[in-house]
Amino acid sequence: MQDTRLNRLLDGTIGQVEQWFGNPWRWLSLVAISLLGGFFFGEAAAAIAGQKTYIDPFAAGVLVAIAELISLWAYRVKRNTNPLFLNMLNAFKIGMAYSMYLEAFKLGS
């Protein structure tokens, strides 16, 4: 690419954001937020599907398919990519799976 002012500005901004996220506490907080976001997404999907009882198996299948697609993509990607994004994606998947297990326990009792 050409060395334009816009290109230098974007590269500098991206470098500063990567440096800012390099702090371990910020890294951990982003992963924790992603875990809670996955939990919220799973709970919301289960609540929405629970309103119409005939789509419960379909919604569970979609959530499992999303989790499998995340695993497929995260473990096939090259290791030189951004590990923060992969950790956040895996935390989202874990939160979503945990919410499905919790919903199953609530419905079973």
PDB file of N, CA and C in Angstrom:
ATOM      1  N   MET A   1       0.830  -1.178   0.000  1.00  0.00           N
ATOM      2  CA  MET A   1       0.000   0.000   0.000  1.00  0.00           C
ATOM      3  C   MET A   1       0.876   1.243   0.000  1.00  0.00           C
ATOM      4  N   GLN A   2       0.317   2.301  -0.472  1.00  0.00           N
ATOM      5  CA  GLN A   2       1.050   3.562  -0.492  1.00  0.00           C
ATOM      6  C   GLN A   2       1.117   4.153   0.909  1.00  0.00           C
ATOM      7  N   ASP A   3       2.148   4.910   1.134  1.00  0.00           N
ATOM      8  CA  ASP A   3       2.345   5.521   2.438  1.00  0.00           C
ATOM      9  C   ASP A   3       1.663   6.890   2.453  1.00  0.00           C
ATOM     10  N   THR A   4       0.341   6.862   2.648  1.00  0.00           N
ATOM     11  CA  THR A   4      -0.423   8.101   2.690  1.00  0.00           C
ATOM     12  C   THR A   4      -0.630   8.517   4.140  1.00  0.00           C
ATOM     13  N   ARG A   5      -1.125   9.721   4.326  1.00  0.00           N
ATOM     14  CA  ARG A   5      -1.394  10.182   5.693  1.00  0.00           C
ATOM     15  C   ARG A   5      -2.474   9.348   6.363  1.00  0.00           C
ATOM     16  N   LEU A   6      -3.489   8.986   5.598  1.00  0.00           N
ATOM     17  CA  LEU A   6      -4.559   8.164   6.152  1.00  0.00           C
ATOM     18  C   LEU A   6      -4.034   6.796   6.557  1.00  0.00           C
ATOM     19  N   ASN A   7      -3.194   6.206   5.735  1.00  0.00           N
ATOM     20  CA  ASN A   7      -2.615   4.901   6.042  1.00  0.00           C
ATOM     21  C   ASN A   7      -1.757   4.977   7.303  1.00  0.00           C
ATOM     22  N   ARG A   8      -0.940   6.028   7.417  1.00  0.00           N
ATOM     23  CA  ARG A   8      -0.106   6.192   8.618  1.00  0.00           C
ATOM     24  C   ARG A   8      -0.970   6.416   9.853  1.00  0.00           C
ATOM     25  N   LEU A   9      -2.054   7.186   9.709  1.00  0.00           N
ATOM     26  CA  LEU A   9      -2.961   7.440  10.828  1.00  0.00           C
ATOM     27  C   LEU A   9      -3.623   6.153  11.297  1.00  0.00           C
ATOM     28  N   LEU A  10      -4.114   5.353  10.347  1.00  0.00           N
ATOM     29  CA  LEU A  10      -4.750   4.085  10.715  1.00  0.00           C
ATOM     30  C   LEU A  10      -3.756   3.121  11.344  1.00  0.00           C
ATOM     31  N   ASP A  11      -2.563   3.017  10.791  1.00  0.00           N
ATOM     32  CA  ASP A  11      -1.552   2.128  11.364  1.00  0.00           C
ATOM     33  C   ASP A  11      -1.161   2.570  12.770  1.00  0.00           C
ATOM     34  N   GLY A  12      -1.022   3.879  12.973  1.00  0.00           N
ATOM     35  CA  GLY A  12      -0.689   4.395  14.301  1.00  0.00           C
ATOM     36  C   GLY A  12      -1.796   4.147  15.307  1.00  0.00           C
ATOM     37  N   THR A  13      -3.039   4.344  14.872  1.00  0.00           N
ATOM     38  CA  THR A  13      -4.185   4.123  15.749  1.00  0.00           C
ATOM     39  C   THR A  13      -4.307   2.648  16.115  1.00  0.00           C
ATOM     40  N   ILE A  14      -4.160   1.773  15.138  1.00  0.00           N
ATOM     41  CA  ILE A  14      -4.243   0.340  15.408  1.00  0.00           C
ATOM     42  C   ILE A  14      -3.120  -0.083  16.342  1.00  0.00           C
ATOM     43  N   GLY A  15      -1.919   0.456  16.146  1.00  0.00           N
ATOM     44  CA  GLY A  15      -0.802   0.135  17.033  1.00  0.00           C
ATOM     45  C   GLY A  15      -1.050   0.594  18.460  1.00  0.00           C
ATOM     46  N   GLN A  16      -1.646   1.787  18.630  1.00  0.00           N
ATOM     47  CA  GLN A  16      -1.947   2.274  19.974  1.00  0.00           C
ATOM     48  C   GLN A  16      -3.026   1.432  20.651  1.00  0.00           C
ATOM     49  N   VAL A  17      -4.034   1.016  19.892  1.00  0.00           N
ATOM     50  CA  VAL A  17      -5.092   0.174  20.461  1.00  0.00           C
ATOM     51  C   VAL A  17      -4.519  -1.191  20.864  1.00  0.00           C
ATOM     52  N   GLU A  18      -3.673  -1.774  20.028  1.00  0.00           N
ATOM     53  CA  GLU A  18      -3.047  -3.052  20.382  1.00  0.00           C
ATOM     54  C   GLU A  18      -2.174  -2.914  21.614  1.00  0.00           C
ATOM     55  N   GLN A  19      -1.459  -1.805  21.735  1.00  0.00           N
ATOM     56  CA  GLN A  19      -0.623  -1.578  22.913  1.00  0.00           C
ATOM     57  C   GLN A  19      -1.502  -1.392  24.152  1.00  0.00           C
ATOM     58  N   TRP A  20      -2.629  -0.701  24.005  1.00  0.00           N
ATOM     59  CA  TRP A  20      -3.529  -0.483  25.128  1.00  0.00           C
ATOM     60  C   TRP A  20      -4.121  -1.808  25.605  1.00  0.00           C
ATOM     61  N   PHE A  21      -4.481  -2.700  24.653  1.00  0.00           N
ATOM     62  CA  PHE A  21      -5.025  -4.004  25.024  1.00  0.00           C
ATOM     63  C   PHE A  21      -3.951  -4.972  25.472  1.00  0.00           C
ATOM     64  N   GLY A  22      -2.689  -4.607  25.366  1.00  0.00           N
ATOM     65  CA  GLY A  22      -1.612  -5.480  25.803  1.00  0.00           C
ATOM     66  C   GLY A  22      -1.518  -5.606  27.312  1.00  0.00           C
ATOM     67  N   ASN A  23      -2.146  -4.701  28.041  1.00  0.00           N
ATOM     68  CA  ASN A  23      -2.163  -4.754  29.498  1.00  0.00           C
ATOM     69  C   ASN A  23      -2.930  -5.996  29.945  1.00  0.00           C
ATOM     70  N   PRO A  24      -2.345  -6.821  30.840  1.00  0.00           N
ATOM     71  CA  PRO A  24      -3.030  -8.060  31.244  1.00  0.00           C
ATOM     72  C   PRO A  24      -4.381  -7.835  31.910  1.00  0.00           C
ATOM     73  N   TRP A  25      -4.576  -6.760  32.666  1.00  0.00           N
ATOM     74  CA  TRP A  25      -5.860  -6.531  33.307  1.00  0.00           C
ATOM     75  C   TRP A  25      -6.936  -6.167  32.297  1.00  0.00           C
ATOM     76  N   ARG A  26      -6.560  -5.406  31.280  1.00  0.00           N
ATOM     77  CA  ARG A  26      -7.534  -5.081  30.231  1.00  0.00           C
ATOM     78  C   ARG A  26      -7.873  -6.329  29.427  1.00  0.00           C
ATOM     79  N   TRP A  27      -6.859  -7.155  29.181  1.00  0.00           N
ATOM     80  CA  TRP A  27      -7.060  -8.416  28.468  1.00  0.00           C
ATOM     81  C   TRP A  27      -8.056  -9.279  29.238  1.00  0.00           C
ATOM     82  N   LEU A  28      -7.816  -9.429  30.542  1.00  0.00           N
ATOM     83  CA  LEU A  28      -8.687 -10.258  31.371  1.00  0.00           C
ATOM     84  C   LEU A  28     -10.099  -9.686  31.439  1.00  0.00           C
ATOM     85  N   SER A  29     -10.216  -8.370  31.530  1.00  0.00           N
ATOM     86  CA  SER A  29     -11.550  -7.773  31.598  1.00  0.00           C
ATOM     87  C   SER A  29     -12.306  -7.967  30.290  1.00  0.00           C
ATOM     88  N   LEU A  30     -11.631  -7.882  29.148  1.00  0.00           N
ATOM     89  CA  LEU A  30     -12.306  -8.115  27.869  1.00  0.00           C
ATOM     90  C   LEU A  30     -12.755  -9.564  27.729  1.00  0.00           C
ATOM     91  N   VAL A  31     -11.936 -10.490  28.197  1.00  0.00           N
ATOM     92  CA  VAL A  31     -12.315 -11.903  28.144  1.00  0.00           C
ATOM     93  C   VAL A  31     -13.495 -12.169  29.082  1.00  0.00           C
ATOM     94  N   ALA A  32     -13.483 -11.553  30.272  1.00  0.00           N
ATOM     95  CA  ALA A  32     -14.605 -11.721  31.208  1.00  0.00           C
ATOM     96  C   ALA A  32     -15.889 -11.117  30.639  1.00  0.00           C
ATOM     97  N   ILE A  33     -15.795  -9.961  30.006  1.00  0.00           N
ATOM     98  CA  ILE A  33     -16.973  -9.354  29.388  1.00  0.00           C
ATOM     99  C   ILE A  33     -17.494 -10.238  28.261  1.00  0.00           C
ATOM    100  N   SER A  34     -16.595 -10.844  27.522  1.00  0.00           N
ATOM    101  CA  SER A  34     -17.005 -11.742  26.447  1.00  0.00           C
ATOM    102  C   SER A  34     -17.694 -12.990  27.005  1.00  0.00           C
ATOM    103  N   LEU A  35     -17.187 -13.507  28.119  1.00  0.00           N
ATOM    104  CA  LEU A  35     -17.818 -14.660  28.769  1.00  0.00           C
ATOM    105  C   LEU A  35     -19.231 -14.318  29.217  1.00  0.00           C
ATOM    106  N   LEU A  36     -19.393 -13.167  29.850  1.00  0.00           N
ATOM    107  CA  LEU A  36     -20.717 -12.747  30.294  1.00  0.00           C
ATOM    108  C   LEU A  36     -21.635 -12.426  29.119  1.00  0.00           C
ATOM    109  N   GLY A  37     -21.058 -11.897  28.038  1.00  0.00           N
ATOM    110  CA  GLY A  37     -21.858 -11.643  26.838  1.00  0.00           C
ATOM    111  C   GLY A  37     -22.374 -12.934  26.221  1.00  0.00           C
ATOM    112  N   GLY A  38     -21.536 -13.968  26.210  1.00  0.00           N
ATOM    113  CA  GLY A  38     -21.975 -15.274  25.722  1.00  0.00           C
ATOM    114  C   GLY A  38     -23.060 -15.864  26.598  1.00  0.00           C
ATOM    115  N   PHE A  39     -22.914 -15.686  27.905  1.00  0.00           N
ATOM    116  CA  PHE A  39     -23.945 -16.172  28.823  1.00  0.00           C
ATOM    117  C   PHE A  39     -25.260 -15.449  28.574  1.00  0.00           C
ATOM    118  N   PHE A  40     -25.198 -14.127  28.402  1.00  0.00           N
ATOM    119  CA  PHE A  40     -26.406 -13.350  28.135  1.00  0.00           C
ATOM    120  C   PHE A  40     -27.040 -13.770  26.809  1.00  0.00           C
ATOM    121  N   PHE A  41     -26.206 -13.977  25.776  1.00  0.00           N
ATOM    122  CA  PHE A  41     -26.727 -14.380  24.474  1.00  0.00           C
ATOM    123  C   PHE A  41     -27.444 -15.728  24.567  1.00  0.00           C
ATOM    124  N   GLY A  42     -26.844 -16.683  25.276  1.00  0.00           N
ATOM    125  CA  GLY A  42     -27.475 -17.993  25.424  1.00  0.00           C
ATOM    126  C   GLY A  42     -28.771 -17.924  26.208  1.00  0.00           C
ATOM    127  N   GLU A  43     -28.783 -17.153  27.291  1.00  0.00           N
ATOM    128  CA  GLU A  43     -30.002 -17.003  28.082  1.00  0.00           C
ATOM    129  C   GLU A  43     -31.097 -16.305  27.279  1.00  0.00           C
ATOM    130  N   ALA A  44     -30.733 -15.277  26.529  1.00  0.00           N
ATOM    131  CA  ALA A  44     -31.725 -14.553  25.729  1.00  0.00           C
ATOM    132  C   ALA A  44     -32.291 -15.448  24.633  1.00  0.00           C
ATOM    133  N   ALA A  45     -31.425 -16.231  23.996  1.00  0.00           N
ATOM    134  CA  ALA A  45     -31.910 -17.121  22.944  1.00  0.00           C
ATOM    135  C   ALA A  45     -32.845 -18.181  23.516  1.00  0.00           C
ATOM    136  N   ALA A  46     -32.516 -18.699  24.704  1.00  0.00           N
ATOM    137  CA  ALA A  46     -33.383 -19.697  25.328  1.00  0.00           C
ATOM    138  C   ALA A  46     -34.709 -19.086  25.760  1.00  0.00           C
ATOM    139  N   ALA A  47     -34.684 -17.860  26.252  1.00  0.00           N
ATOM    140  CA  ALA A  47     -35.926 -17.206  26.676  1.00  0.00           C
ATOM    141  C   ALA A  47     -36.819 -16.883  25.485  1.00  0.00           C
ATOM    142  N   ILE A  48     -36.207 -16.439  24.411  1.00  0.00           N
ATOM    143  CA  ILE A  48     -36.997 -16.121  23.219  1.00  0.00           C
ATOM    144  C   ILE A  48     -37.585 -17.394  22.619  1.00  0.00           C
ATOM    145  N   ALA A  49     -36.782 -18.449  22.564  1.00  0.00           N
ATOM    146  CA  ALA A  49     -37.285 -19.711  22.022  1.00  0.00           C
ATOM    147  C   ALA A  49     -38.304 -20.344  22.958  1.00  0.00           C
ATOM    148  N   GLY A  50     -38.203 -20.070  24.251  1.00  0.00           N
ATOM    149  CA  GLY A  50     -39.153 -20.632  25.209  1.00  0.00           C
ATOM    150  C   GLY A  50     -40.551 -20.071  25.063  1.00  0.00           C
ATOM    151  N   GLN A  51     -40.679 -18.917  24.454  1.00  0.00           N
ATOM    152  CA  GLN A  51     -41.998 -18.337  24.256  1.00  0.00           C
ATOM    153  C   GLN A  51     -42.815 -19.145  23.259  1.00  0.00           C
ATOM    154  N   LYS A  52     -42.140 -19.702  22.293  1.00  0.00           N
ATOM    155  CA  LYS A  52     -42.803 -20.587  21.329  1.00  0.00           C
ATOM    156  C   LYS A  52     -42.193 -21.970  21.529  1.00  0.00           C
ATOM    157  N   THR A  53     -42.888 -22.832  22.194  1.00  0.00           N
ATOM    158  CA  THR A  53     -42.305 -24.098  22.639  1.00  0.00           C
ATOM    159  C   THR A  53     -41.945 -25.038  21.496  1.00  0.00           C
ATOM    160  N   TYR A  54     -42.504 -24.853  20.347  1.00  0.00           N
ATOM    161  CA  TYR A  54     -42.207 -25.786  19.263  1.00  0.00           C
ATOM    162  C   TYR A  54     -40.882 -25.485  18.577  1.00  0.00           C
ATOM    163  N   ILE A  55     -40.233 -24.364  18.890  1.00  0.00           N
ATOM    164  CA  ILE A  55     -38.930 -24.101  18.277  1.00  0.00           C
ATOM    165  C   ILE A  55     -37.773 -24.286  19.256  1.00  0.00           C
ATOM    166  N   ASP A  56     -38.026 -24.851  20.442  1.00  0.00           N
ATOM    167  CA  ASP A  56     -36.947 -25.091  21.402  1.00  0.00           C
ATOM    168  C   ASP A  56     -35.844 -25.976  20.831  1.00  0.00           C
ATOM    169  N   PRO A  57     -36.157 -27.127  20.220  1.00  0.00           N
ATOM    170  CA  PRO A  57     -35.071 -27.954  19.674  1.00  0.00           C
ATOM    171  C   PRO A  57     -34.300 -27.254  18.558  1.00  0.00           C
ATOM    172  N   PHE A  58     -34.987 -26.476  17.756  1.00  0.00           N
ATOM    173  CA  PHE A  58     -34.313 -25.738  16.691  1.00  0.00           C
ATOM    174  C   PHE A  58     -33.354 -24.694  17.265  1.00  0.00           C
ATOM    175  N   ALA A  59     -33.795 -23.963  18.284  1.00  0.00           N
ATOM    176  CA  ALA A  59     -32.943 -22.943  18.898  1.00  0.00           C
ATOM    177  C   ALA A  59     -31.731 -23.581  19.558  1.00  0.00           C
ATOM    178  N   ALA A  60     -31.914 -24.704  20.222  1.00  0.00           N
ATOM    179  CA  ALA A  60     -30.781 -25.399  20.835  1.00  0.00           C
ATOM    180  C   ALA A  60     -29.807 -25.884  19.765  1.00  0.00           C
ATOM    181  N   GLY A  61     -30.338 -26.359  18.659  1.00  0.00           N
ATOM    182  CA  GLY A  61     -29.476 -26.803  17.561  1.00  0.00           C
ATOM    183  C   GLY A  61     -28.688 -25.646  16.954  1.00  0.00           C
ATOM    184  N   VAL A  62     -29.333 -24.488  16.847  1.00  0.00           N
ATOM    185  CA  VAL A  62     -28.638 -23.315  16.315  1.00  0.00           C
ATOM    186  C   VAL A  62     -27.520 -22.881  17.257  1.00  0.00           C
ATOM    187  N   LEU A  63     -27.784 -22.883  18.572  1.00  0.00           N
ATOM    188  CA  LEU A  63     -26.749 -22.504  19.534  1.00  0.00           C
ATOM    189  C   LEU A  63     -25.578 -23.482  19.521  1.00  0.00           C
ATOM    190  N   VAL A  64     -25.872 -24.760  19.404  1.00  0.00           N
ATOM    191  CA  VAL A  64     -24.799 -25.756  19.322  1.00  0.00           C
ATOM    192  C   VAL A  64     -24.024 -25.597  18.015  1.00  0.00           C
ATOM    193  N   ALA A  65     -24.723 -25.295  16.929  1.00  0.00           N
ATOM    194  CA  ALA A  65     -24.040 -25.073  15.650  1.00  0.00           C
ATOM    195  C   ALA A  65     -23.146 -23.839  15.713  1.00  0.00           C
ATOM    196  N   ILE A  66     -23.604 -22.783  16.389  1.00  0.00           N
ATOM    197  CA  ILE A  66     -22.766 -21.592  16.554  1.00  0.00           C
ATOM    198  C   ILE A  66     -21.516 -21.926  17.354  1.00  0.00           C
ATOM    199  N   ALA A  67     -21.690 -22.695  18.427  1.00  0.00           N
ATOM    200  CA  ALA A  67     -20.533 -23.080  19.244  1.00  0.00           C
ATOM    201  C   ALA A  67     -19.550 -23.930  18.448  1.00  0.00           C
ATOM    202  N   GLU A  68     -20.062 -24.837  17.636  1.00  0.00           N
ATOM    203  CA  GLU A  68     -19.174 -25.682  16.830  1.00  0.00           C
ATOM    204  C   GLU A  68     -18.469 -24.875  15.737  1.00  0.00           C
ATOM    205  N   LEU A  69     -19.163 -23.911  15.149  1.00  0.00           N
ATOM    206  CA  LEU A  69     -18.522 -23.069  14.142  1.00  0.00           C
ATOM    207  C   LEU A  69     -17.425 -22.199  14.759  1.00  0.00           C
ATOM    208  N   ILE A  70     -17.663 -21.707  15.973  1.00  0.00           N
ATOM    209  CA  ILE A  70     -16.623 -20.946  16.666  1.00  0.00           C
ATOM    210  C   ILE A  70     -15.415 -21.830  16.932  1.00  0.00           C
ATOM    211  N   SER A  71     -15.656 -23.055  17.391  1.00  0.00           N
ATOM    212  CA  SER A  71     -14.544 -23.977  17.650  1.00  0.00           C
ATOM    213  C   SER A  71     -13.807 -24.316  16.367  1.00  0.00           C
ATOM    214  N   LEU A  72     -14.544 -24.577  15.316  1.00  0.00           N
ATOM    215  CA  LEU A  72     -13.925 -24.916  14.039  1.00  0.00           C
ATOM    216  C   LEU A  72     -13.054 -23.777  13.540  1.00  0.00           C
ATOM    217  N   TRP A  73     -13.568 -22.560  13.614  1.00  0.00           N
ATOM    218  CA  TRP A  73     -12.802 -21.425  13.130  1.00  0.00           C
ATOM    219  C   TRP A  73     -11.626 -21.107  14.044  1.00  0.00           C
ATOM    220  N   ALA A  74     -11.840 -21.173  15.365  1.00  0.00           N
ATOM    221  CA  ALA A  74     -10.795 -20.772  16.308  1.00  0.00           C
ATOM    222  C   ALA A  74      -9.620 -21.739  16.309  1.00  0.00           C
ATOM    223  N   TYR A  75      -9.862 -23.008  16.112  1.00  0.00           N
ATOM    224  CA  TYR A  75      -8.777 -23.976  16.193  1.00  0.00           C
ATOM    225  C   TYR A  75      -8.136 -24.267  14.841  1.00  0.00           C
ATOM    226  N   ARG A  76      -8.723 -23.784  13.756  1.00  0.00           N
ATOM    227  CA  ARG A  76      -8.102 -23.948  12.444  1.00  0.00           C
ATOM    228  C   ARG A  76      -7.339 -22.714  11.995  1.00  0.00           C
ATOM    229  N   VAL A  77      -7.503 -21.628  12.708  1.00  0.00           N
ATOM    230  CA  VAL A  77      -6.845 -20.391  12.307  1.00  0.00           C
ATOM    231  C   VAL A  77      -5.360 -20.472  12.660  1.00  0.00           C
ATOM    232  N   LYS A  78      -4.554 -19.779  11.908  1.00  0.00           N
ATOM    233  CA  LYS A  78      -3.123 -19.771  12.160  1.00  0.00           C
ATOM    234  C   LYS A  78      -2.839 -19.105  13.504  1.00  0.00           C
ATOM    235  N   ARG A  79      -1.794 -19.531  14.157  1.00  0.00           N
ATOM    236  CA  ARG A  79      -1.469 -19.017  15.484  1.00  0.00           C
ATOM    237  C   ARG A  79      -0.842 -17.624  15.459  1.00  0.00           C
ATOM    238  N   ASN A  80      -0.561 -17.069  14.299  1.00  0.00           N
ATOM    239  CA  ASN A  80       0.021 -15.732  14.261  1.00  0.00           C
ATOM    240  C   ASN A  80      -1.042 -14.640  14.253  1.00  0.00           C
ATOM    241  N   THR A  81      -2.310 -15.018  14.380  1.00  0.00           N
ATOM    242  CA  THR A  81      -3.370 -14.011  14.433  1.00  0.00           C
ATOM    243  C   THR A  81      -3.494 -13.480  15.854  1.00  0.00           C
ATOM    244  N   ASN A  82      -4.444 -12.625  16.065  1.00  0.00           N
ATOM    245  CA  ASN A  82      -4.627 -11.960  17.346  1.00  0.00           C
ATOM    246  C   ASN A  82      -5.132 -12.948  18.403  1.00  0.00           C
ATOM    247  N   PRO A  83      -4.328 -13.268  19.412  1.00  0.00           N
ATOM    248  CA  PRO A  83      -4.792 -14.218  20.426  1.00  0.00           C
ATOM    249  C   PRO A  83      -5.882 -13.646  21.323  1.00  0.00           C
ATOM    250  N   LEU A  84      -5.942 -12.327  21.474  1.00  0.00           N
ATOM    251  CA  LEU A  84      -6.997 -11.732  22.290  1.00  0.00           C
ATOM    252  C   LEU A  84      -8.355 -12.013  21.676  1.00  0.00           C
ATOM    253  N   PHE A  85      -8.485 -11.843  20.374  1.00  0.00           N
ATOM    254  CA  PHE A  85      -9.757 -12.098  19.710  1.00  0.00           C
ATOM    255  C   PHE A  85     -10.156 -13.573  19.840  1.00  0.00           C
ATOM    256  N   LEU A  86      -9.190 -14.485  19.693  1.00  0.00           N
ATOM    257  CA  LEU A  86      -9.499 -15.906  19.829  1.00  0.00           C
ATOM    258  C   LEU A  86      -9.922 -16.249  21.256  1.00  0.00           C
ATOM    259  N   ASN A  87      -9.253 -15.651  22.240  1.00  0.00           N
ATOM    260  CA  ASN A  87      -9.649 -15.890  23.629  1.00  0.00           C
ATOM    261  C   ASN A  87     -11.032 -15.338  23.915  1.00  0.00           C
ATOM    262  N   MET A  88     -11.335 -14.172  23.357  1.00  0.00           N
ATOM    263  CA  MET A  88     -12.668 -13.607  23.551  1.00  0.00           C
ATOM    264  C   MET A  88     -13.739 -14.466  22.875  1.00  0.00           C
ATOM    265  N   LEU A  89     -13.423 -14.990  21.704  1.00  0.00           N
ATOM    266  CA  LEU A  89     -14.371 -15.841  20.997  1.00  0.00           C
ATOM    267  C   LEU A  89     -14.622 -17.135  21.761  1.00  0.00           C
ATOM    268  N   ASN A  90     -13.562 -17.734  22.287  1.00  0.00           N
ATOM    269  CA  ASN A  90     -13.719 -18.955  23.078  1.00  0.00           C
ATOM    270  C   ASN A  90     -14.459 -18.683  24.383  1.00  0.00           C
ATOM    271  N   ALA A  91     -14.222 -17.542  25.010  1.00  0.00           N
ATOM    272  CA  ALA A  91     -14.950 -17.189  26.231  1.00  0.00           C
ATOM    273  C   ALA A  91     -16.432 -16.998  25.927  1.00  0.00           C
ATOM    274  N   PHE A  92     -16.740 -16.382  24.788  1.00  0.00           N
ATOM    275  CA  PHE A  92     -18.143 -16.230  24.371  1.00  0.00           C
ATOM    276  C   PHE A  92     -18.790 -17.604  24.209  1.00  0.00           C
ATOM    277  N   LYS A  93     -18.071 -18.528  23.583  1.00  0.00           N
ATOM    278  CA  LYS A  93     -18.593 -19.884  23.372  1.00  0.00           C
ATOM    279  C   LYS A  93     -18.822 -20.593  24.704  1.00  0.00           C
ATOM    280  N   ILE A  94     -17.886 -20.452  25.630  1.00  0.00           N
ATOM    281  CA  ILE A  94     -18.016 -21.102  26.940  1.00  0.00           C
ATOM    282  C   ILE A  94     -19.206 -20.519  27.701  1.00  0.00           C
ATOM    283  N   GLY A  95     -19.379 -19.204  27.665  1.00  0.00           N
ATOM    284  CA  GLY A  95     -20.525 -18.585  28.328  1.00  0.00           C
ATOM    285  C   GLY A  95     -21.841 -19.034  27.734  1.00  0.00           C
ATOM    286  N   MET A  96     -21.873 -19.172  26.419  1.00  0.00           N
ATOM    287  CA  MET A  96     -23.087 -19.633  25.755  1.00  0.00           C
ATOM    288  C   MET A  96     -23.395 -21.082  26.127  1.00  0.00           C
ATOM    289  N   ALA A  97     -22.392 -21.930  26.158  1.00  0.00           N
ATOM    290  CA  ALA A  97     -22.599 -23.334  26.523  1.00  0.00           C
ATOM    291  C   ALA A  97     -23.028 -23.453  27.991  1.00  0.00           C
ATOM    292  N   TYR A  98     -22.422 -22.659  28.861  1.00  0.00           N
ATOM    293  CA  TYR A  98     -22.799 -22.692  30.276  1.00  0.00           C
ATOM    294  C   TYR A  98     -24.241 -22.270  30.471  1.00  0.00           C
ATOM    295  N   SER A  99     -24.691 -21.272  29.732  1.00  0.00           N
ATOM    296  CA  SER A  99     -26.083 -20.840  29.869  1.00  0.00           C
ATOM    297  C   SER A  99     -27.043 -21.920  29.383  1.00  0.00           C
ATOM    298  N   MET A 100     -26.645 -22.674  28.349  1.00  0.00           N
ATOM    299  CA  MET A 100     -27.514 -23.767  27.888  1.00  0.00           C
ATOM    300  C   MET A 100     -27.609 -24.860  28.941  1.00  0.00           C
ATOM    301  N   TYR A 101     -26.486 -25.203  29.580  1.00  0.00           N
ATOM    302  CA  TYR A 101     -26.509 -26.211  30.651  1.00  0.00           C
ATOM    303  C   TYR A 101     -27.351 -25.731  31.828  1.00  0.00           C
ATOM    304  N   LEU A 102     -27.216 -24.474  32.177  1.00  0.00           N
ATOM    305  CA  LEU A 102     -27.981 -23.931  33.290  1.00  0.00           C
ATOM    306  C   LEU A 102     -29.471 -23.942  32.988  1.00  0.00           C
ATOM    307  N   GLU A 103     -29.842 -23.597  31.759  1.00  0.00           N
ATOM    308  CA  GLU A 103     -31.255 -23.656  31.366  1.00  0.00           C
ATOM    309  C   GLU A 103     -31.778 -25.087  31.421  1.00  0.00           C
ATOM    310  N   ALA A 104     -30.962 -26.034  31.013  1.00  0.00           N
ATOM    311  CA  ALA A 104     -31.390 -27.434  31.066  1.00  0.00           C
ATOM    312  C   ALA A 104     -31.612 -27.881  32.500  1.00  0.00           C
ATOM    313  N   PHE A 105     -30.750 -27.449  33.427  1.00  0.00           N
ATOM    314  CA  PHE A 105     -30.943 -27.798  34.826  1.00  0.00           C
ATOM    315  C   PHE A 105     -32.193 -27.126  35.406  1.00  0.00           C
ATOM    316  N   LYS A 106     -32.446 -25.881  35.003  1.00  0.00           N
ATOM    317  CA  LYS A 106     -33.633 -25.201  35.504  1.00  0.00           C
ATOM    318  C   LYS A 106     -34.899 -25.856  34.985  1.00  0.00           C
ATOM    319  N   LEU A 107     -34.886 -26.277  33.746  1.00  0.00           N
ATOM    320  CA  LEU A 107     -36.072 -26.908  33.182  1.00  0.00           C
ATOM    321  C   LEU A 107     -36.269 -28.326  33.682  1.00  0.00           C
ATOM    322  N   GLY A 108     -35.180 -28.982  34.091  1.00  0.00           N
ATOM    323  CA  GLY A 108     -35.281 -30.365  34.559  1.00  0.00           C
ATOM    324  C   GLY A 108     -35.789 -30.471  35.986  1.00  0.00           C
ATOM    325  N   SER A 109     -35.703 -29.386  36.760  1.00  0.00           N
ATOM    326  CA  SER A 109     -36.128 -29.472  38.164  1.00  0.00           C
ATOM    327  C   SER A 109     -37.533 -28.994  38.353  1.00  0.00           C
TER     328      SER A 109
END
